[in-house]
């Protein structure tokens, strides 16, 4: 299998940072939150995208969808 050297470098850096926090996810989360505030950056937040509602049972079913 072919390995992308850039992806490998990112994985190594992530593993090195996680090891500093003993692979504790909460500690990593706190670290990233602090870094976000120190660098005056914020995570992009977008509104949720909702699925279109299903047609009501009273609506006519197209001929292609009718079961014989």
PDB file of N, CA and C in Angstrom:
ATOM      1  N   UNK A   1       0.836  -1.174   0.000  1.00  0.00           N
ATOM      2  CA  UNK A   1       0.000   0.000   0.000  1.00  0.00           C
ATOM      3  C   UNK A   1       0.884   1.242   0.000  1.00  0.00           C
ATOM      4  N   UNK A   2       0.486   2.237  -0.768  1.00  0.00           N
ATOM      5  CA  UNK A   2       1.262   3.455  -0.905  1.00  0.00           C
ATOM      6  C   UNK A   2       0.970   4.394   0.257  1.00  0.00           C
ATOM      7  N   UNK A   3       1.997   4.976   0.869  1.00  0.00           N
ATOM      8  CA  UNK A   3       1.843   5.913   1.967  1.00  0.00           C
ATOM      9  C   UNK A   3       2.162   7.318   1.487  1.00  0.00           C
ATOM     10  N   UNK A   4       1.289   8.250   1.810  1.00  0.00           N
ATOM     11  CA  UNK A   4       1.494   9.650   1.481  1.00  0.00           C
ATOM     12  C   UNK A   4       2.412  10.241   2.557  1.00  0.00           C
ATOM     13  N   UNK A   5       3.550  10.793   2.180  1.00  0.00           N
ATOM     14  CA  UNK A   5       4.478  11.310   3.186  1.00  0.00           C
ATOM     15  C   UNK A   5       3.894  12.474   3.998  1.00  0.00           C
ATOM     16  N   UNK A   6       3.039  13.269   3.414  1.00  0.00           N
ATOM     17  CA  UNK A   6       2.425  14.386   4.140  1.00  0.00           C
ATOM     18  C   UNK A   6       1.464  13.858   5.195  1.00  0.00           C
ATOM     19  N   UNK A   7       0.644  12.886   4.820  1.00  0.00           N
ATOM     20  CA  UNK A   7      -0.294  12.290   5.773  1.00  0.00           C
ATOM     21  C   UNK A   7       0.482  11.613   6.895  1.00  0.00           C
ATOM     22  N   UNK A   8       1.557  10.939   6.552  1.00  0.00           N
ATOM     23  CA  UNK A   8       2.378  10.262   7.561  1.00  0.00           C
ATOM     24  C   UNK A   8       2.982  11.267   8.537  1.00  0.00           C
ATOM     25  N   UNK A   9       3.428  12.407   8.020  1.00  0.00           N
ATOM     26  CA  UNK A   9       4.004  13.441   8.881  1.00  0.00           C
ATOM     27  C   UNK A   9       2.942  14.008   9.834  1.00  0.00           C
ATOM     28  N   UNK A  10       1.738  14.213   9.338  1.00  0.00           N
ATOM     29  CA  UNK A  10       0.647  14.725  10.178  1.00  0.00           C
ATOM     30  C   UNK A  10       0.293  13.705  11.251  1.00  0.00           C
ATOM     31  N   UNK A  11       0.243  12.441  10.887  1.00  0.00           N
ATOM     32  CA  UNK A  11      -0.061  11.395  11.871  1.00  0.00           C
ATOM     33  C   UNK A  11       1.011  11.319  12.953  1.00  0.00           C
ATOM     34  N   UNK A  12       2.267  11.447  12.575  1.00  0.00           N
ATOM     35  CA  UNK A  12       3.348  11.414  13.555  1.00  0.00           C
ATOM     36  C   UNK A  12       3.264  12.605  14.500  1.00  0.00           C
ATOM     37  N   UNK A  13       2.963  13.796  13.960  1.00  0.00           N
ATOM     38  CA  UNK A  13       2.849  14.983  14.796  1.00  0.00           C
ATOM     39  C   UNK A  13       1.661  14.852  15.748  1.00  0.00           C
ATOM     40  N   UNK A  14       0.551  14.317  15.254  1.00  0.00           N
ATOM     41  CA  UNK A  14      -0.629  14.123  16.097  1.00  0.00           C
ATOM     42  C   UNK A  14      -0.339  13.119  17.204  1.00  0.00           C
ATOM     43  N   UNK A  15       0.345  12.056  16.863  1.00  0.00           N
ATOM     44  CA  UNK A  15       0.679  11.039  17.860  1.00  0.00           C
ATOM     45  C   UNK A  15       1.631  11.598  18.914  1.00  0.00           C
ATOM     46  N   UNK A  16       2.601  12.404  18.480  1.00  0.00           N
ATOM     47  CA  UNK A  16       3.553  13.005  19.413  1.00  0.00           C
ATOM     48  C   UNK A  16       2.822  13.926  20.397  1.00  0.00           C
ATOM     49  N   UNK A  17       1.887  14.736  19.898  1.00  0.00           N
ATOM     50  CA  UNK A  17       1.126  15.631  20.761  1.00  0.00           C
ATOM     51  C   UNK A  17       0.223  14.840  21.705  1.00  0.00           C
ATOM     52  N   UNK A  18      -0.437  13.822  21.192  1.00  0.00           N
ATOM     53  CA  UNK A  18      -1.311  12.990  22.029  1.00  0.00           C
ATOM     54  C   UNK A  18      -0.509  12.299  23.130  1.00  0.00           C
ATOM     55  N   UNK A  19       0.697  11.872  22.813  1.00  0.00           N
ATOM     56  CA  UNK A  19       1.543  11.215  23.808  1.00  0.00           C
ATOM     57  C   UNK A  19       1.905  12.168  24.943  1.00  0.00           C
ATOM     58  N   UNK A  20       2.052  13.455  24.630  1.00  0.00           N
ATOM     59  CA  UNK A  20       2.364  14.446  25.662  1.00  0.00           C
ATOM     60  C   UNK A  20       1.245  14.536  26.699  1.00  0.00           C
ATOM     61  N   UNK A  21       0.018  14.237  26.270  1.00  0.00           N
ATOM     62  CA  UNK A  21      -1.137  14.292  27.157  1.00  0.00           C
ATOM     63  C   UNK A  21      -1.597  12.895  27.571  1.00  0.00           C
ATOM     64  N   UNK A  22      -0.715  11.907  27.396  1.00  0.00           N
ATOM     65  CA  UNK A  22      -1.003  10.523  27.765  1.00  0.00           C
ATOM     66  C   UNK A  22      -2.272  10.013  27.076  1.00  0.00           C
ATOM     67  N   UNK A  23      -2.504  10.466  25.877  1.00  0.00           N
ATOM     68  CA  UNK A  23      -3.646  10.061  25.052  1.00  0.00           C
ATOM     69  C   UNK A  23      -4.989  10.331  25.740  1.00  0.00           C
ATOM     70  N   UNK A  24      -5.016  11.341  26.602  1.00  0.00           N
ATOM     71  CA  UNK A  24      -6.239  11.740  27.296  1.00  0.00           C
ATOM     72  C   UNK A  24      -6.992  12.731  26.401  1.00  0.00           C
ATOM     73  N   UNK A  25      -8.147  12.312  25.902  1.00  0.00           N
ATOM     74  CA  UNK A  25      -8.898  13.148  24.966  1.00  0.00           C
ATOM     75  C   UNK A  25      -9.366  14.457  25.590  1.00  0.00           C
ATOM     76  N   UNK A  26      -9.769  14.403  26.837  1.00  0.00           N
ATOM     77  CA  UNK A  26     -10.217  15.639  27.490  1.00  0.00           C
ATOM     78  C   UNK A  26      -9.063  16.639  27.605  1.00  0.00           C
ATOM     79  N   UNK A  27      -7.888  16.151  27.964  1.00  0.00           N
ATOM     80  CA  UNK A  27      -6.720  17.026  28.071  1.00  0.00           C
ATOM     81  C   UNK A  27      -6.353  17.611  26.709  1.00  0.00           C
ATOM     82  N   UNK A  28      -6.432  16.804  25.668  1.00  0.00           N
ATOM     83  CA  UNK A  28      -6.172  17.305  24.314  1.00  0.00           C
ATOM     84  C   UNK A  28      -7.186  18.364  23.920  1.00  0.00           C
ATOM     85  N   UNK A  29      -8.440  18.117  24.246  1.00  0.00           N
ATOM     86  CA  UNK A  29      -9.504  19.071  23.924  1.00  0.00           C
ATOM     87  C   UNK A  29      -9.237  20.408  24.619  1.00  0.00           C
ATOM     88  N   UNK A  30      -8.870  20.339  25.893  1.00  0.00           N
ATOM     89  CA  UNK A  30      -8.564  21.563  26.642  1.00  0.00           C
ATOM     90  C   UNK A  30      -7.378  22.298  26.014  1.00  0.00           C
ATOM     91  N   UNK A  31      -6.359  21.540  25.615  1.00  0.00           N
ATOM     92  CA  UNK A  31      -5.188  22.141  24.973  1.00  0.00           C
ATOM     93  C   UNK A  31      -5.593  22.878  23.698  1.00  0.00           C
ATOM     94  N   UNK A  32      -6.381  22.231  22.860  1.00  0.00           N
ATOM     95  CA  UNK A  32      -6.805  22.852  21.609  1.00  0.00           C
ATOM     96  C   UNK A  32      -7.687  24.074  21.859  1.00  0.00           C
ATOM     97  N   UNK A  33      -8.542  24.013  22.894  1.00  0.00           N
ATOM     98  CA  UNK A  33      -9.369  25.176  23.242  1.00  0.00           C
ATOM     99  C   UNK A  33      -8.481  26.344  23.667  1.00  0.00           C
ATOM    100  N   UNK A  34      -7.453  26.088  24.481  1.00  0.00           N
ATOM    101  CA  UNK A  34      -6.539  27.137  24.903  1.00  0.00           C
ATOM    102  C   UNK A  34      -5.808  27.734  23.699  1.00  0.00           C
ATOM    103  N   UNK A  35      -5.351  26.871  22.811  1.00  0.00           N
ATOM    104  CA  UNK A  35      -4.651  27.345  21.618  1.00  0.00           C
ATOM    105  C   UNK A  35      -5.568  28.207  20.749  1.00  0.00           C
ATOM    106  N   UNK A  36      -6.802  27.815  20.659  1.00  0.00           N
ATOM    107  CA  UNK A  36      -7.783  28.563  19.878  1.00  0.00           C
ATOM    108  C   UNK A  36      -7.941  29.971  20.448  1.00  0.00           C
ATOM    109  N   UNK A  37      -8.013  30.086  21.776  1.00  0.00           N
ATOM    110  CA  UNK A  37      -8.170  31.391  22.418  1.00  0.00           C
ATOM    111  C   UNK A  37      -6.887  32.213  22.320  1.00  0.00           C
ATOM    112  N   UNK A  38      -5.730  31.587  22.492  1.00  0.00           N
ATOM    113  CA  UNK A  38      -4.465  32.303  22.408  1.00  0.00           C
ATOM    114  C   UNK A  38      -4.218  32.866  21.009  1.00  0.00           C
ATOM    115  N   UNK A  39      -4.641  32.136  20.002  1.00  0.00           N
ATOM    116  CA  UNK A  39      -4.421  32.562  18.624  1.00  0.00           C
ATOM    117  C   UNK A  39      -5.585  33.389  18.089  1.00  0.00           C
ATOM    118  N   UNK A  40      -6.566  33.647  18.963  1.00  0.00           N
ATOM    119  CA  UNK A  40      -7.740  34.428  18.591  1.00  0.00           C
ATOM    120  C   UNK A  40      -8.421  33.854  17.341  1.00  0.00           C
ATOM    121  N   UNK A  41      -8.571  32.542  17.343  1.00  0.00           N
ATOM    122  CA  UNK A  41      -9.245  31.850  16.244  1.00  0.00           C
ATOM    123  C   UNK A  41     -10.457  31.132  16.799  1.00  0.00           C
ATOM    124  N   UNK A  42     -11.407  30.887  15.949  1.00  0.00           N
ATOM    125  CA  UNK A  42     -12.572  30.142  16.389  1.00  0.00           C
ATOM    126  C   UNK A  42     -12.892  29.053  15.378  1.00  0.00           C
ATOM    127  N   UNK A  43     -13.570  28.068  15.852  1.00  0.00           N
ATOM    128  CA  UNK A  43     -13.979  26.967  14.997  1.00  0.00           C
ATOM    129  C   UNK A  43     -15.173  27.434  14.170  1.00  0.00           C
ATOM    130  N   UNK A  44     -15.159  27.116  12.904  1.00  0.00           N
ATOM    131  CA  UNK A  44     -16.276  27.492  12.042  1.00  0.00           C
ATOM    132  C   UNK A  44     -17.483  26.670  12.436  1.00  0.00           C
ATOM    133  N   UNK A  45     -18.578  27.348  12.623  1.00  0.00           N
ATOM    134  CA  UNK A  45     -19.812  26.664  12.990  1.00  0.00           C
ATOM    135  C   UNK A  45     -20.877  27.020  11.973  1.00  0.00           C
ATOM    136  N   UNK A  46     -21.473  26.037  11.426  1.00  0.00           N
ATOM    137  CA  UNK A  46     -22.522  26.259  10.419  1.00  0.00           C
ATOM    138  C   UNK A  46     -23.840  25.747  10.964  1.00  0.00           C
ATOM    139  N   UNK A  47     -24.928  26.354  10.511  1.00  0.00           N
ATOM    140  CA  UNK A  47     -26.229  25.864  10.974  1.00  0.00           C
ATOM    141  C   UNK A  47     -26.474  24.453  10.445  1.00  0.00           C
ATOM    142  N   UNK A  48     -27.295  23.675  11.147  1.00  0.00           N
ATOM    143  CA  UNK A  48     -27.565  22.305  10.694  1.00  0.00           C
ATOM    144  C   UNK A  48     -28.324  22.294   9.369  1.00  0.00           C
ATOM    145  N   UNK A  49     -28.059  21.272   8.583  1.00  0.00           N
ATOM    146  CA  UNK A  49     -28.795  21.079   7.336  1.00  0.00           C
ATOM    147  C   UNK A  49     -29.809  19.973   7.572  1.00  0.00           C
ATOM    148  N   UNK A  50     -31.053  20.304   7.382  1.00  0.00           N
ATOM    149  CA  UNK A  50     -32.110  19.345   7.639  1.00  0.00           C
ATOM    150  C   UNK A  50     -32.504  18.623   6.352  1.00  0.00           C
ATOM    151  N   UNK A  51     -32.947  17.386   6.510  1.00  0.00           N
ATOM    152  CA  UNK A  51     -33.430  16.607   5.376  1.00  0.00           C
ATOM    153  C   UNK A  51     -34.784  17.145   4.947  1.00  0.00           C
ATOM    154  N   UNK A  52     -35.086  16.957   3.684  1.00  0.00           N
ATOM    155  CA  UNK A  52     -36.410  17.349   3.202  1.00  0.00           C
ATOM    156  C   UNK A  52     -37.435  16.403   3.809  1.00  0.00           C
ATOM    157  N   UNK A  53     -38.595  16.928   4.197  1.00  0.00           N
ATOM    158  CA  UNK A  53     -39.612  16.049   4.782  1.00  0.00           C
ATOM    159  C   UNK A  53     -40.134  15.046   3.754  1.00  0.00           C
ATOM    160  N   UNK A  54     -40.494  13.885   4.247  1.00  0.00           N
ATOM    161  CA  UNK A  54     -41.074  12.873   3.373  1.00  0.00           C
ATOM    162  C   UNK A  54     -42.471  13.326   2.976  1.00  0.00           C
ATOM    163  N   UNK A  55     -42.904  12.966   1.776  1.00  0.00           N
ATOM    164  CA  UNK A  55     -44.267  13.333   1.380  1.00  0.00           C
ATOM    165  C   UNK A  55     -45.283  12.647   2.293  1.00  0.00           C
ATOM    166  N   UNK A  56     -46.367  13.337   2.534  1.00  0.00           N
ATOM    167  CA  UNK A  56     -47.394  12.755   3.404  1.00  0.00           C
ATOM    168  C   UNK A  56     -48.035  11.555   2.719  1.00  0.00           C
ATOM    169  N   UNK A  57     -48.683  10.709   3.524  1.00  0.00           N
ATOM    170  CA  UNK A  57     -49.297   9.499   2.974  1.00  0.00           C
ATOM    171  C   UNK A  57     -50.500   9.827   2.098  1.00  0.00           C
ATOM    172  N   UNK A  58     -51.012  11.046   2.182  1.00  0.00           N
ATOM    173  CA  UNK A  58     -52.166  11.444   1.364  1.00  0.00           C
ATOM    174  C   UNK A  58     -51.757  11.874  -0.033  1.00  0.00           C
ATOM    175  N   UNK A  59     -50.475  12.148  -0.238  1.00  0.00           N
ATOM    176  CA  UNK A  59     -50.044  12.609  -1.549  1.00  0.00           C
ATOM    177  C   UNK A  59     -50.024  11.423  -2.519  1.00  0.00           C
ATOM    178  N   UNK A  60     -50.326  11.688  -3.769  1.00  0.00           N
ATOM    179  CA  UNK A  60     -50.331  10.592  -4.749  1.00  0.00           C
ATOM    180  C   UNK A  60     -48.930  10.032  -4.971  1.00  0.00           C
ATOM    181  N   UNK A  61     -48.836   8.730  -5.136  1.00  0.00           N
ATOM    182  CA  UNK A  61     -47.571   8.047  -5.375  1.00  0.00           C
ATOM    183  C   UNK A  61     -47.345   7.993  -6.874  1.00  0.00           C
ATOM    184  N   UNK A  62     -46.178   8.407  -7.353  1.00  0.00           N
ATOM    185  CA  UNK A  62     -45.904   8.326  -8.791  1.00  0.00           C
ATOM    186  C   UNK A  62     -46.002   6.885  -9.279  1.00  0.00           C
ATOM    187  N   UNK A  63     -46.368   6.718 -10.519  1.00  0.00           N
ATOM    188  CA  UNK A  63     -46.574   5.396 -11.117  1.00  0.00           C
ATOM    189  C   UNK A  63     -45.334   4.514 -10.978  1.00  0.00           C
ATOM    190  N   UNK A  64     -44.134   5.094 -11.097  1.00  0.00           N
ATOM    191  CA  UNK A  64     -42.900   4.322 -11.034  1.00  0.00           C
ATOM    192  C   UNK A  64     -42.692   3.714  -9.652  1.00  0.00           C
ATOM    193  N   UNK A  65     -43.262   4.312  -8.607  1.00  0.00           N
ATOM    194  CA  UNK A  65     -43.045   3.818  -7.254  1.00  0.00           C
ATOM    195  C   UNK A  65     -44.128   2.869  -6.756  1.00  0.00           C
ATOM    196  N   UNK A  66     -45.190   2.704  -7.531  1.00  0.00           N
ATOM    197  CA  UNK A  66     -46.270   1.806  -7.109  1.00  0.00           C
ATOM    198  C   UNK A  66     -45.804   0.371  -7.169  1.00  0.00           C
ATOM    199  N   UNK A  67     -46.169  -0.396  -6.149  1.00  0.00           N
ATOM    200  CA  UNK A  67     -45.816  -1.806  -6.077  1.00  0.00           C
ATOM    201  C   UNK A  67     -46.963  -2.616  -6.647  1.00  0.00           C
ATOM    202  N   UNK A  68     -46.653  -3.554  -7.525  1.00  0.00           N
ATOM    203  CA  UNK A  68     -47.690  -4.338  -8.166  1.00  0.00           C
ATOM    204  C   UNK A  68     -48.215  -5.429  -7.252  1.00  0.00           C
TER     205      UNK A  68
END
